[in-house]
Amino acid sequence: MVRLRRLLPLCALVLLMAGCSGPSEVVRSPTPPAPTAPTPGLPLAAVVALEQLGTPYRYGGAAPGGFDCSGLVWYSYLQSGTALPRATIDQYRYVQPVAQQAAQPGDLLFFKLAGKISHVGIYLGEERFVHAPSSGRRVEIVSLSDPYWRSRLVRIGRIP
């Protein structure tokens, strides 16, 4: 625990420099925190993301003080022991595409906004996903059935 506390300032600096369009490399934590107890039917990364409900959106944020979309995904998977690229487009390239009818909880949903792939969320099942929406808002659960999100969905991807 003491070792982890000593690493927090370095992690905070890395996170401040990251964003939805941040670095392309996979960022790894030297000592991943202990995972929380699993919730039946949901992978641990989805449970971690749900624990962040209500956290404010923060551009470049990837910690419980504030998240952007890819920061929430990156953090949630890191907490569950899986290292992912930090930026949305790099997460998009990293996953294995799956058909919409084959989507499973924990899969990543990618959306095209303003003409480019620039948003990601974690699928929860039953047409719902958790994401960090935009400035002035908070981490929330929304429906993939909503026409806004449905029309902008460009890929569902599974972590290899």
C-alpha atoms as a PDB file:
ATOM      1  CA  MET A   1       0.000   0.000   0.000  1.00  0.00           C
ATOM      2  CA  VAL A   2       2.856   2.388   0.841  1.00  0.00           C
ATOM      3  CA  ARG A   3       4.476   1.599  -2.518  1.00  0.00           C
ATOM      4  CA  LEU A   4       1.215   2.361  -4.313  1.00  0.00           C
ATOM      5  CA  ARG A   5       0.896   5.716  -2.518  1.00  0.00           C
ATOM      6  CA  ARG A   6       4.389   6.670  -3.663  1.00  0.00           C
ATOM      7  CA  LEU A   7       3.368   5.963  -7.267  1.00  0.00           C
ATOM      8  CA  LEU A   8       0.218   8.101  -7.160  1.00  0.00           C
ATOM      9  CA  PRO A   9       1.937  11.412  -8.061  1.00  0.00           C
ATOM     10  CA  LEU A  10       3.557   9.776 -11.101  1.00  0.00           C
ATOM     11  CA  CYS A  11       0.251   8.190 -12.129  1.00  0.00           C
ATOM     12  CA  ALA A  12      -1.512  11.532 -11.704  1.00  0.00           C
ATOM     13  CA  LEU A  13       0.999  13.205 -14.025  1.00  0.00           C
ATOM     14  CA  VAL A  14       0.528  10.493 -16.655  1.00  0.00           C
ATOM     15  CA  LEU A  15      -3.248  10.776 -16.392  1.00  0.00           C
ATOM     16  CA  LEU A  16      -3.204  14.561 -16.719  1.00  0.00           C
ATOM     17  CA  MET A  17      -1.285  14.224 -19.964  1.00  0.00           C
ATOM     18  CA  ALA A  18      -3.763  11.665 -21.353  1.00  0.00           C
ATOM     19  CA  GLY A  19      -7.159  12.184 -22.981  1.00  0.00           C
ATOM     20  CA  CYS A  20      -9.601  10.610 -25.405  1.00  0.00           C
ATOM     21  CA  SER A  21      -7.056  11.414 -28.093  1.00  0.00           C
ATOM     22  CA  GLY A  22      -4.082  10.734 -25.838  1.00  0.00           C
ATOM     23  CA  PRO A  23      -1.080   8.444 -26.220  1.00  0.00           C
ATOM     24  CA  SER A  24      -1.264   5.297 -28.281  1.00  0.00           C
ATOM     25  CA  GLU A  25       0.786   3.030 -26.039  1.00  0.00           C
ATOM     26  CA  VAL A  26      -0.669   0.659 -23.469  1.00  0.00           C
ATOM     27  CA  VAL A  27      -0.194   2.214 -20.033  1.00  0.00           C
ATOM     28  CA  ARG A  28       0.424  -0.343 -17.308  1.00  0.00           C
ATOM     29  CA  SER A  29       0.244   0.032 -13.567  1.00  0.00           C
ATOM     30  CA  PRO A  30       3.213  -1.509 -11.725  1.00  0.00           C
ATOM     31  CA  THR A  31       0.950  -2.724  -8.909  1.00  0.00           C
ATOM     32  CA  PRO A  32      -2.703  -3.127  -9.896  1.00  0.00           C
ATOM     33  CA  PRO A  33      -5.104  -2.545  -7.010  1.00  0.00           C
ATOM     34  CA  ALA A  34      -7.018  -5.472  -5.593  1.00  0.00           C
ATOM     35  CA  PRO A  35     -10.261  -6.066  -7.515  1.00  0.00           C
ATOM     36  CA  THR A  36     -13.622  -5.620  -5.856  1.00  0.00           C
ATOM     37  CA  ALA A  37     -15.994  -8.525  -5.376  1.00  0.00           C
ATOM     38  CA  PRO A  38     -17.551  -9.701  -8.652  1.00  0.00           C
ATOM     39  CA  THR A  39     -21.188  -9.034  -9.471  1.00  0.00           C
ATOM     40  CA  PRO A  40     -23.035 -12.010 -10.954  1.00  0.00           C
ATOM     41  CA  GLY A  41     -23.360 -11.688 -14.725  1.00  0.00           C
ATOM     42  CA  LEU A  42     -21.055  -8.685 -15.121  1.00  0.00           C
ATOM     43  CA  PRO A  43     -17.314  -8.740 -15.761  1.00  0.00           C
ATOM     44  CA  LEU A  44     -15.233  -6.950 -13.162  1.00  0.00           C
ATOM     45  CA  ALA A  45     -14.395  -4.042 -15.503  1.00  0.00           C
ATOM     46  CA  ALA A  46     -18.122  -3.289 -15.886  1.00  0.00           C
ATOM     47  CA  VAL A  47     -18.583  -3.446 -12.107  1.00  0.00           C
ATOM     48  CA  VAL A  48     -15.701  -0.996 -11.629  1.00  0.00           C
ATOM     49  CA  ALA A  49     -17.242   1.361 -14.209  1.00  0.00           C
ATOM     50  CA  LEU A  50     -20.604   1.176 -12.427  1.00  0.00           C
ATOM     51  CA  GLU A  51     -18.890   2.110  -9.167  1.00  0.00           C
ATOM     52  CA  GLN A  52     -17.976   5.405 -10.877  1.00  0.00           C
ATOM     53  CA  LEU A  53     -21.594   6.438 -11.578  1.00  0.00           C
ATOM     54  CA  GLY A  54     -22.017  10.115 -10.790  1.00  0.00           C
ATOM     55  CA  THR A  55     -18.322  10.943 -11.176  1.00  0.00           C
ATOM     56  CA  PRO A  56     -17.918  14.202 -13.118  1.00  0.00           C
ATOM     57  CA  TYR A  57     -16.652  14.252 -16.695  1.00  0.00           C
ATOM     58  CA  ARG A  58     -13.143  15.655 -16.950  1.00  0.00           C
ATOM     59  CA  TYR A  59     -11.283  15.933 -20.250  1.00  0.00           C
ATOM     60  CA  GLY A  60      -8.163  13.781 -19.966  1.00  0.00           C
ATOM     61  CA  GLY A  61      -9.468  12.319 -16.702  1.00  0.00           C
ATOM     62  CA  ALA A  62      -8.774   8.689 -15.874  1.00  0.00           C
ATOM     63  CA  ALA A  63      -9.257   8.530 -12.110  1.00  0.00           C
ATOM     64  CA  PRO A  64     -12.177   8.673  -9.677  1.00  0.00           C
ATOM     65  CA  GLY A  65     -11.871  12.480  -9.450  1.00  0.00           C
ATOM     66  CA  GLY A  66     -13.068  12.739 -13.054  1.00  0.00           C
ATOM     67  CA  PHE A  67     -13.174  10.717 -16.268  1.00  0.00           C
ATOM     68  CA  ASP A  68     -13.364  11.225 -19.975  1.00  0.00           C
ATOM     69  CA  CYS A  69     -14.838   8.360 -21.992  1.00  0.00           C
ATOM     70  CA  SER A  70     -11.654   6.429 -22.741  1.00  0.00           C
ATOM     71  CA  GLY A  71     -10.291   7.212 -19.282  1.00  0.00           C
ATOM     72  CA  LEU A  72     -13.269   5.456 -17.693  1.00  0.00           C
ATOM     73  CA  VAL A  73     -12.730   2.405 -19.915  1.00  0.00           C
ATOM     74  CA  TRP A  74      -8.960   2.414 -19.328  1.00  0.00           C
ATOM     75  CA  TYR A  75      -9.362   2.776 -15.551  1.00  0.00           C
ATOM     76  CA  SER A  76     -12.103   0.149 -15.285  1.00  0.00           C
ATOM     77  CA  TYR A  77     -10.115  -2.454 -17.168  1.00  0.00           C
ATOM     78  CA  LEU A  78      -6.874  -1.607 -15.356  1.00  0.00           C
ATOM     79  CA  GLN A  79      -8.620  -2.094 -12.015  1.00  0.00           C
ATOM     80  CA  SER A  80      -9.741  -5.524 -13.212  1.00  0.00           C
ATOM     81  CA  GLY A  81      -6.190  -6.484 -14.193  1.00  0.00           C
ATOM     82  CA  THR A  82      -6.287  -5.765 -17.934  1.00  0.00           C
ATOM     83  CA  ALA A  83      -4.105  -3.097 -19.541  1.00  0.00           C
ATOM     84  CA  LEU A  84      -5.592  -1.285 -22.536  1.00  0.00           C
ATOM     85  CA  PRO A  85      -4.466   1.604 -24.690  1.00  0.00           C
ATOM     86  CA  ARG A  86      -5.565   4.922 -23.200  1.00  0.00           C
ATOM     87  CA  ALA A  87      -7.047   6.773 -26.207  1.00  0.00           C
ATOM     88  CA  THR A  88     -10.429   6.000 -27.805  1.00  0.00           C
ATOM     89  CA  ILE A  89      -9.065   5.429 -31.309  1.00  0.00           C
ATOM     90  CA  ASP A  90      -6.354   3.134 -29.973  1.00  0.00           C
ATOM     91  CA  GLN A  91      -8.910   1.155 -27.962  1.00  0.00           C
ATOM     92  CA  TYR A  92     -10.943   0.899 -31.174  1.00  0.00           C
ATOM     93  CA  ARG A  93      -7.946  -0.560 -32.989  1.00  0.00           C
ATOM     94  CA  TYR A  94      -7.086  -2.887 -30.071  1.00  0.00           C
ATOM     95  CA  VAL A  95     -10.397  -4.749 -29.726  1.00  0.00           C
ATOM     96  CA  GLN A  96     -11.679  -7.651 -31.791  1.00  0.00           C
ATOM     97  CA  PRO A  97     -14.901  -6.628 -33.584  1.00  0.00           C
ATOM     98  CA  VAL A  98     -18.033  -8.616 -32.737  1.00  0.00           C
ATOM     99  CA  ALA A  99     -21.485  -8.591 -34.303  1.00  0.00           C
ATOM    100  CA  GLN A 100     -24.116  -6.567 -32.488  1.00  0.00           C
ATOM    101  CA  GLN A 101     -26.234  -9.642 -31.784  1.00  0.00           C
ATOM    102  CA  ALA A 102     -23.182 -11.270 -30.148  1.00  0.00           C
ATOM    103  CA  ALA A 103     -22.439  -8.359 -27.782  1.00  0.00           C
ATOM    104  CA  GLN A 104     -21.728  -9.366 -24.199  1.00  0.00           C
ATOM    105  CA  PRO A 105     -21.388  -7.361 -20.989  1.00  0.00           C
ATOM    106  CA  GLY A 106     -17.906  -5.885 -20.838  1.00  0.00           C
ATOM    107  CA  ASP A 107     -17.609  -5.359 -24.594  1.00  0.00           C
ATOM    108  CA  LEU A 108     -16.687  -1.863 -25.729  1.00  0.00           C
ATOM    109  CA  LEU A 109     -19.047   0.275 -27.800  1.00  0.00           C
ATOM    110  CA  PHE A 110     -17.530   2.851 -30.139  1.00  0.00           C
ATOM    111  CA  PHE A 111     -19.352   5.855 -31.525  1.00  0.00           C
ATOM    112  CA  LYS A 112     -18.656   8.295 -34.323  1.00  0.00           C
ATOM    113  CA  LEU A 113     -19.283  11.858 -33.190  1.00  0.00           C
ATOM    114  CA  ALA A 114     -18.521  14.963 -35.264  1.00  0.00           C
ATOM    115  CA  GLY A 115     -17.292  12.806 -38.135  1.00  0.00           C
ATOM    116  CA  LYS A 116     -14.742  10.691 -36.262  1.00  0.00           C
ATOM    117  CA  ILE A 117     -14.579   7.783 -33.844  1.00  0.00           C
ATOM    118  CA  SER A 118     -14.349   9.711 -30.621  1.00  0.00           C
ATOM    119  CA  HIS A 119     -16.488   8.080 -27.940  1.00  0.00           C
ATOM    120  CA  VAL A 120     -16.459   4.748 -26.099  1.00  0.00           C
ATOM    121  CA  GLY A 121     -18.530   3.062 -23.402  1.00  0.00           C
ATOM    122  CA  ILE A 122     -18.781  -0.336 -21.693  1.00  0.00           C
ATOM    123  CA  TYR A 123     -21.722  -2.548 -22.619  1.00  0.00           C
ATOM    124  CA  LEU A 124     -23.755  -3.812 -19.658  1.00  0.00           C
ATOM    125  CA  GLY A 125     -26.225  -6.028 -21.511  1.00  0.00           C
ATOM    126  CA  GLU A 126     -29.927  -5.461 -22.103  1.00  0.00           C
ATOM    127  CA  GLU A 127     -29.194  -2.558 -24.505  1.00  0.00           C
ATOM    128  CA  ARG A 128     -27.495  -0.483 -21.782  1.00  0.00           C
ATOM    129  CA  PHE A 129     -24.001   0.910 -21.427  1.00  0.00           C
ATOM    130  CA  VAL A 130     -22.010   3.012 -18.971  1.00  0.00           C
ATOM    131  CA  HIS A 131     -19.943   5.948 -20.174  1.00  0.00           C
ATOM    132  CA  ALA A 132     -18.481   9.346 -19.296  1.00  0.00           C
ATOM    133  CA  PRO A 133     -20.592  11.529 -21.615  1.00  0.00           C
ATOM    134  CA  SER A 134     -19.263  15.077 -21.975  1.00  0.00           C
ATOM    135  CA  SER A 135     -18.252  18.248 -20.188  1.00  0.00           C
ATOM    136  CA  GLY A 136     -20.678  19.328 -17.492  1.00  0.00           C
ATOM    137  CA  ARG A 137     -22.131  15.826 -17.131  1.00  0.00           C
ATOM    138  CA  ARG A 138     -21.372  12.747 -15.031  1.00  0.00           C
ATOM    139  CA  VAL A 139     -20.680   9.054 -15.584  1.00  0.00           C
ATOM    140  CA  GLU A 140     -24.054   7.513 -16.380  1.00  0.00           C
ATOM    141  CA  ILE A 141     -25.909   4.534 -17.800  1.00  0.00           C
ATOM    142  CA  VAL A 142     -27.779   5.087 -21.054  1.00  0.00           C
ATOM    143  CA  SER A 143     -29.740   2.958 -23.488  1.00  0.00           C
ATOM    144  CA  LEU A 144     -28.309   1.816 -26.776  1.00  0.00           C
ATOM    145  CA  SER A 145     -31.919   1.910 -27.985  1.00  0.00           C
ATOM    146  CA  ASP A 146     -31.804   5.712 -27.837  1.00  0.00           C
ATOM    147  CA  PRO A 147     -31.792   6.895 -31.485  1.00  0.00           C
ATOM    148  CA  TYR A 148     -28.910   9.282 -30.803  1.00  0.00           C
ATOM    149  CA  TRP A 149     -26.569   6.483 -29.683  1.00  0.00           C
ATOM    150  CA  ARG A 150     -27.942   3.812 -32.020  1.00  0.00           C
ATOM    151  CA  SER A 151     -27.294   5.952 -35.108  1.00  0.00           C
ATOM    152  CA  ARG A 152     -23.711   6.724 -34.058  1.00  0.00           C
ATOM    153  CA  LEU A 153     -22.597   3.211 -33.051  1.00  0.00           C
ATOM    154  CA  VAL A 154     -19.804   2.077 -35.384  1.00  0.00           C
ATOM    155  CA  ARG A 155     -18.267  -0.927 -33.638  1.00  0.00           C
ATOM    156  CA  ILE A 156     -18.688  -3.332 -30.784  1.00  0.00           C
ATOM    157  CA  GLY A 157     -15.368  -4.779 -29.710  1.00  0.00           C
ATOM    158  CA  ARG A 158     -14.142  -7.429 -27.339  1.00  0.00           C
ATOM    159  CA  ILE A 159     -10.877  -7.279 -25.431  1.00  0.00           C
ATOM    160  CA  PRO A 160      -8.590  -9.987 -26.862  1.00  0.00           C
END
